[in-house]
Structures are given as structure tokens and as C-alpha cells.
Amino acid sequence: MLRIMKWFVITMAVVTAALLMTNFATVGILFLAVDALVAGVYTMLKSACDRRQLHKMSMIR
């Protein structure tokens, strides 16, 4: 499950970057929001912490 989510986040980031450079920037902004949510869930599942502990974590490793 985590492997699938990891590659989904990477793929969404690449697609979002490509969309933001085209005429489909509105869709890119939507994908940016979805990507941020999925990345947050992925980080919570990977570290096995709950939502209240997430603010103490470093997002950049």
C-alpha cells in the first residue's frame, strides 16, 4: 500500500508540474491540492503517527 501511495505522490507531482506550465493550470492547481492531501496521508501512514503528532514531524528528510 505504501509503495503504491509513494509512486502515486511522485506521479501526481510530475503531472502537476507539467499541467502548471500549460493552459491547464486550473487542473494543475486542483492536482496540487490532491497531491498535498495524499502526501500528508502517506506521511502519517509511513511514520505510524496520528494527526495530532504530525505537526512535530519534519516533512523534509
PDB file of N, CA and C in Angstrom:
ATOM      1  N   MET A   1       0.819  -1.197   0.000  1.00  0.00           N
ATOM      2  CA  MET A   1       0.000   0.000   0.000  1.00  0.00           C
ATOM      3  C   MET A   1       0.867   1.267   0.000  1.00  0.00           C
ATOM      4  N   LEU A   2       1.903   1.278   0.866  1.00  0.00           N
ATOM      5  CA  LEU A   2       2.759   2.461   0.929  1.00  0.00           C
ATOM      6  C   LEU A   2       3.538   2.661  -0.360  1.00  0.00           C
ATOM      7  N   ARG A   3       3.943   1.562  -0.990  1.00  0.00           N
ATOM      8  CA  ARG A   3       4.683   1.670  -2.250  1.00  0.00           C
ATOM      9  C   ARG A   3       3.799   2.299  -3.328  1.00  0.00           C
ATOM     10  N   ILE A   4       2.538   1.902  -3.374  1.00  0.00           N
ATOM     11  CA  ILE A   4       1.601   2.461  -4.358  1.00  0.00           C
ATOM     12  C   ILE A   4       1.380   3.946  -4.084  1.00  0.00           C
ATOM     13  N   MET A   5       1.190   4.291  -2.809  1.00  0.00           N
ATOM     14  CA  MET A   5       0.973   5.699  -2.465  1.00  0.00           C
ATOM     15  C   MET A   5       2.201   6.543  -2.779  1.00  0.00           C
ATOM     16  N   LYS A   6       3.395   5.989  -2.534  1.00  0.00           N
ATOM     17  CA  LYS A   6       4.625   6.726  -2.824  1.00  0.00           C
ATOM     18  C   LYS A   6       4.712   7.056  -4.306  1.00  0.00           C
ATOM     19  N   TRP A   7       4.469   6.072  -5.158  1.00  0.00           N
ATOM     20  CA  TRP A   7       4.565   6.317  -6.597  1.00  0.00           C
ATOM     21  C   TRP A   7       3.424   7.187  -7.100  1.00  0.00           C
ATOM     22  N   PHE A   8       2.262   7.116  -6.442  1.00  0.00           N
ATOM     23  CA  PHE A   8       1.152   7.994  -6.802  1.00  0.00           C
ATOM     24  C   PHE A   8       1.512   9.450  -6.508  1.00  0.00           C
ATOM     25  N   VAL A   9       2.133   9.694  -5.359  1.00  0.00           N
ATOM     26  CA  VAL A   9       2.538  11.056  -4.994  1.00  0.00           C
ATOM     27  C   VAL A   9       3.581  11.582  -5.975  1.00  0.00           C
ATOM     28  N   ILE A  10       4.554  10.749  -6.326  1.00  0.00           N
ATOM     29  CA  ILE A  10       5.589  11.167  -7.277  1.00  0.00           C
ATOM     30  C   ILE A  10       4.975  11.464  -8.640  1.00  0.00           C
ATOM     31  N   THR A  11       4.098  10.581  -9.106  1.00  0.00           N
ATOM     32  CA  THR A  11       3.453  10.770 -10.406  1.00  0.00           C
ATOM     33  C   THR A  11       2.588  12.026 -10.412  1.00  0.00           C
ATOM     34  N   MET A  12       1.833  12.231  -9.343  1.00  0.00           N
ATOM     35  CA  MET A  12       0.988  13.421  -9.268  1.00  0.00           C
ATOM     36  C   MET A  12       1.830  14.695  -9.266  1.00  0.00           C
ATOM     37  N   ALA A  13       2.984  14.672  -8.614  1.00  0.00           N
ATOM     38  CA  ALA A  13       3.848  15.854  -8.591  1.00  0.00           C
ATOM     39  C   ALA A  13       4.366  16.177  -9.986  1.00  0.00           C
ATOM     40  N   VAL A  14       4.744  15.157 -10.730  1.00  0.00           N
ATOM     41  CA  VAL A  14       5.243  15.374 -12.093  1.00  0.00           C
ATOM     42  C   VAL A  14       4.127  15.874 -13.001  1.00  0.00           C
ATOM     43  N   VAL A  15       2.957  15.248 -12.908  1.00  0.00           N
ATOM     44  CA  VAL A  15       1.819  15.660 -13.737  1.00  0.00           C
ATOM     45  C   VAL A  15       1.393  17.084 -13.375  1.00  0.00           C
ATOM     46  N   THR A  16       1.390  17.398 -12.088  1.00  0.00           N
ATOM     47  CA  THR A  16       1.021  18.743 -11.646  1.00  0.00           C
ATOM     48  C   THR A  16       1.984  19.785 -12.198  1.00  0.00           C
ATOM     49  N   ALA A  17       3.277  19.495 -12.124  1.00  0.00           N
ATOM     50  CA  ALA A  17       4.272  20.436 -12.649  1.00  0.00           C
ATOM     51  C   ALA A  17       4.078  20.644 -14.144  1.00  0.00           C
ATOM     52  N   ALA A  18       3.781  19.573 -14.863  1.00  0.00           N
ATOM     53  CA  ALA A  18       3.562  19.694 -16.308  1.00  0.00           C
ATOM     54  C   ALA A  18       2.303  20.504 -16.607  1.00  0.00           C
ATOM     55  N   LEU A  19       1.244  20.270 -15.844  1.00  0.00           N
ATOM     56  CA  LEU A  19      -0.008  20.992 -16.079  1.00  0.00           C
ATOM     57  C   LEU A  19       0.111  22.476 -15.743  1.00  0.00           C
ATOM     58  N   LEU A  20       0.903  22.801 -14.733  1.00  0.00           N
ATOM     59  CA  LEU A  20       1.049  24.206 -14.356  1.00  0.00           C
ATOM     60  C   LEU A  20       1.792  25.009 -15.412  1.00  0.00           C
ATOM     61  N   MET A  21       2.511  24.328 -16.288  1.00  0.00           N
ATOM     62  CA  MET A  21       3.243  25.018 -17.356  1.00  0.00           C
ATOM     63  C   MET A  21       2.462  25.083 -18.662  1.00  0.00           C
ATOM     64  N   THR A  22       1.226  24.601 -18.655  1.00  0.00           N
ATOM     65  CA  THR A  22       0.411  24.606 -19.867  1.00  0.00           C
ATOM     66  C   THR A  22      -0.833  25.456 -19.642  1.00  0.00           C
ATOM     67  N   ASN A  23      -1.751  25.363 -20.583  1.00  0.00           N
ATOM     68  CA  ASN A  23      -3.019  26.085 -20.465  1.00  0.00           C
ATOM     69  C   ASN A  23      -3.980  25.418 -19.485  1.00  0.00           C
ATOM     70  N   PHE A  24      -3.597  24.278 -18.932  1.00  0.00           N
ATOM     71  CA  PHE A  24      -4.448  23.551 -17.993  1.00  0.00           C
ATOM     72  C   PHE A  24      -4.016  23.805 -16.549  1.00  0.00           C
ATOM     73  N   ALA A  25      -3.628  25.043 -16.256  1.00  0.00           N
ATOM     74  CA  ALA A  25      -3.126  25.382 -14.922  1.00  0.00           C
ATOM     75  C   ALA A  25      -4.207  25.216 -13.855  1.00  0.00           C
ATOM     76  N   THR A  26      -5.465  25.405 -14.211  1.00  0.00           N
ATOM     77  CA  THR A  26      -6.551  25.233 -13.241  1.00  0.00           C
ATOM     78  C   THR A  26      -6.603  23.794 -12.752  1.00  0.00           C
ATOM     79  N   VAL A  27      -6.474  22.858 -13.670  1.00  0.00           N
ATOM     80  CA  VAL A  27      -6.445  21.440 -13.301  1.00  0.00           C
ATOM     81  C   VAL A  27      -5.181  21.152 -12.486  1.00  0.00           C
ATOM     82  N   GLY A  28      -4.077  21.805 -12.833  1.00  0.00           N
ATOM     83  CA  GLY A  28      -2.829  21.632 -12.095  1.00  0.00           C
ATOM     84  C   GLY A  28      -2.948  22.089 -10.655  1.00  0.00           C
ATOM     85  N   ILE A  29      -3.667  23.175 -10.424  1.00  0.00           N
ATOM     86  CA  ILE A  29      -3.875  23.662  -9.060  1.00  0.00           C
ATOM     87  C   ILE A  29      -4.732  22.676  -8.273  1.00  0.00           C
ATOM     88  N   LEU A  30      -5.735  22.104  -8.901  1.00  0.00           N
ATOM     89  CA  LEU A  30      -6.553  21.075  -8.254  1.00  0.00           C
ATOM     90  C   LEU A  30      -5.697  19.857  -7.911  1.00  0.00           C
ATOM     91  N   PHE A  31      -4.862  19.431  -8.847  1.00  0.00           N
ATOM     92  CA  PHE A  31      -3.975  18.293  -8.598  1.00  0.00           C
ATOM     93  C   PHE A  31      -2.989  18.606  -7.476  1.00  0.00           C
ATOM     94  N   LEU A  32      -2.575  19.866  -7.362  1.00  0.00           N
ATOM     95  CA  LEU A  32      -1.659  20.271  -6.301  1.00  0.00           C
ATOM     96  C   LEU A  32      -2.303  20.057  -4.931  1.00  0.00           C
ATOM     97  N   ALA A  33      -3.576  20.400  -4.816  1.00  0.00           N
ATOM     98  CA  ALA A  33      -4.295  20.201  -3.556  1.00  0.00           C
ATOM     99  C   ALA A  33      -4.452  18.715  -3.243  1.00  0.00           C
ATOM    100  N   VAL A  34      -4.811  17.931  -4.249  1.00  0.00           N
ATOM    101  CA  VAL A  34      -4.967  16.483  -4.057  1.00  0.00           C
ATOM    102  C   VAL A  34      -3.625  15.862  -3.684  1.00  0.00           C
ATOM    103  N   ASP A  35      -2.568  16.289  -4.341  1.00  0.00           N
ATOM    104  CA  ASP A  35      -1.236  15.769  -4.060  1.00  0.00           C
ATOM    105  C   ASP A  35      -0.813  16.084  -2.627  1.00  0.00           C
ATOM    106  N   ALA A  36      -1.128  17.265  -2.145  1.00  0.00           N
ATOM    107  CA  ALA A  36      -0.781  17.633  -0.769  1.00  0.00           C
ATOM    108  C   ALA A  36      -1.530  16.766   0.237  1.00  0.00           C
ATOM    109  N   LEU A  37      -2.797  16.497  -0.021  1.00  0.00           N
ATOM    110  CA  LEU A  37      -3.573  15.638   0.878  1.00  0.00           C
ATOM    111  C   LEU A  37      -3.035  14.213   0.895  1.00  0.00           C
ATOM    112  N   VAL A  38      -2.763  13.668  -0.283  1.00  0.00           N
ATOM    113  CA  VAL A  38      -2.253  12.298  -0.366  1.00  0.00           C
ATOM    114  C   VAL A  38      -0.870  12.208   0.277  1.00  0.00           C
ATOM    115  N   ALA A  39      -0.037  13.217   0.080  1.00  0.00           N
ATOM    116  CA  ALA A  39       1.293  13.215   0.696  1.00  0.00           C
ATOM    117  C   ALA A  39       1.192  13.267   2.225  1.00  0.00           C
ATOM    118  N   GLY A  40       0.241  14.008   2.739  1.00  0.00           N
ATOM    119  CA  GLY A  40       0.034  14.044   4.189  1.00  0.00           C
ATOM    120  C   GLY A  40      -0.408  12.708   4.742  1.00  0.00           C
ATOM    121  N   VAL A  41      -1.334  12.058   4.062  1.00  0.00           N
ATOM    122  CA  VAL A  41      -1.789  10.730   4.486  1.00  0.00           C
ATOM    123  C   VAL A  41      -0.644   9.729   4.391  1.00  0.00           C
ATOM    124  N   TYR A  42       0.127   9.808   3.311  1.00  0.00           N
ATOM    125  CA  TYR A  42       1.277   8.915   3.144  1.00  0.00           C
ATOM    126  C   TYR A  42       2.279   9.103   4.281  1.00  0.00           C
ATOM    127  N   THR A  43       2.549  10.343   4.651  1.00  0.00           N
ATOM    128  CA  THR A  43       3.485  10.615   5.741  1.00  0.00           C
ATOM    129  C   THR A  43       2.964  10.067   7.056  1.00  0.00           C
ATOM    130  N   MET A  44       1.664  10.219   7.306  1.00  0.00           N
ATOM    131  CA  MET A  44       1.082   9.694   8.537  1.00  0.00           C
ATOM    132  C   MET A  44       1.162   8.177   8.577  1.00  0.00           C
ATOM    133  N   LEU A  45       0.854   7.509   7.466  1.00  0.00           N
ATOM    134  CA  LEU A  45       0.909   6.051   7.441  1.00  0.00           C
ATOM    135  C   LEU A  45       2.343   5.538   7.535  1.00  0.00           C
ATOM    136  N   LYS A  46       3.256   6.206   6.879  1.00  0.00           N
ATOM    137  CA  LYS A  46       4.653   5.773   6.881  1.00  0.00           C
ATOM    138  C   LYS A  46       5.268   5.876   8.272  1.00  0.00           C
ATOM    139  N   SER A  47       4.943   6.921   8.988  1.00  0.00           N
ATOM    140  CA  SER A  47       5.535   7.118  10.312  1.00  0.00           C
ATOM    141  C   SER A  47       4.682   6.525  11.426  1.00  0.00           C
ATOM    142  N   ALA A  48       3.513   6.035  11.084  1.00  0.00           N
ATOM    143  CA  ALA A  48       2.592   5.420  12.046  1.00  0.00           C
ATOM    144  C   ALA A  48       2.233   6.387  13.175  1.00  0.00           C
ATOM    145  N   CYS A  49       1.981   7.631  12.835  1.00  0.00           N
ATOM    146  CA  CYS A  49       1.552   8.595  13.840  1.00  0.00           C
ATOM    147  C   CYS A  49       0.144   9.082  13.491  1.00  0.00           C
ATOM    148  N   ASP A  50      -0.492   9.684  14.444  1.00  0.00           N
ATOM    149  CA  ASP A  50      -1.823  10.207  14.166  1.00  0.00           C
ATOM    150  C   ASP A  50      -1.736  11.694  13.820  1.00  0.00           C
ATOM    151  N   ARG A  51      -2.868  12.277  13.530  1.00  0.00           N
ATOM    152  CA  ARG A  51      -2.941  13.654  13.041  1.00  0.00           C
ATOM    153  C   ARG A  51      -2.381  14.652  14.047  1.00  0.00           C
ATOM    154  N   ARG A  52      -2.554  14.410  15.335  1.00  0.00           N
ATOM    155  CA  ARG A  52      -2.090  15.355  16.358  1.00  0.00           C
ATOM    156  C   ARG A  52      -0.568  15.396  16.465  1.00  0.00           C
ATOM    157  N   GLN A  53       0.101  14.298  16.104  1.00  0.00           N
ATOM    158  CA  GLN A  53       1.560  14.251  16.189  1.00  0.00           C
ATOM    159  C   GLN A  53       2.227  14.754  14.920  1.00  0.00           C
ATOM    160  N   LEU A  54       1.478  14.962  13.856  1.00  0.00           N
ATOM    161  CA  LEU A  54       2.058  15.280  12.555  1.00  0.00           C
ATOM    162  C   LEU A  54       2.784  16.621  12.567  1.00  0.00           C
ATOM    163  N   HIS A  55       2.324  17.589  13.354  1.00  0.00           N
ATOM    164  CA  HIS A  55       2.971  18.905  13.338  1.00  0.00           C
ATOM    165  C   HIS A  55       4.368  18.871  13.942  1.00  0.00           C
ATOM    166  N   LYS A  56       4.714  17.821  14.680  1.00  0.00           N
ATOM    167  CA  LYS A  56       6.042  17.707  15.276  1.00  0.00           C
ATOM    168  C   LYS A  56       7.053  17.074  14.326  1.00  0.00           C
ATOM    169  N   MET A  57       6.587  16.555  13.193  1.00  0.00           N
ATOM    170  CA  MET A  57       7.466  15.845  12.268  1.00  0.00           C
ATOM    171  C   MET A  57       8.104  16.802  11.272  1.00  0.00           C
ATOM    172  N   SER A  58       9.280  16.447  10.847  1.00  0.00           N
ATOM    173  CA  SER A  58       9.937  17.189   9.779  1.00  0.00           C
ATOM    174  C   SER A  58       9.459  16.615   8.449  1.00  0.00           C
ATOM    175  N   MET A  59       8.914  17.458   7.573  1.00  0.00           N
ATOM    176  CA  MET A  59       8.403  16.970   6.296  1.00  0.00           C
ATOM    177  C   MET A  59       9.515  16.724   5.285  1.00  0.00           C
ATOM    178  N   ILE A  60      10.663  17.336   5.490  1.00  0.00           N
ATOM    179  CA  ILE A  60      11.777  17.170   4.558  1.00  0.00           C
ATOM    180  C   ILE A  60      12.814  16.264   5.210  1.00  0.00           C
ATOM    181  N   ARG A  61      13.087  15.138   4.563  1.00  0.00           N
ATOM    182  CA  ARG A  61      14.076  14.195   5.106  1.00  0.00           C
ATOM    183  C   ARG A  61      15.112  13.897   4.093  1.00  0.00           C
TER     184      ARG A  61
END
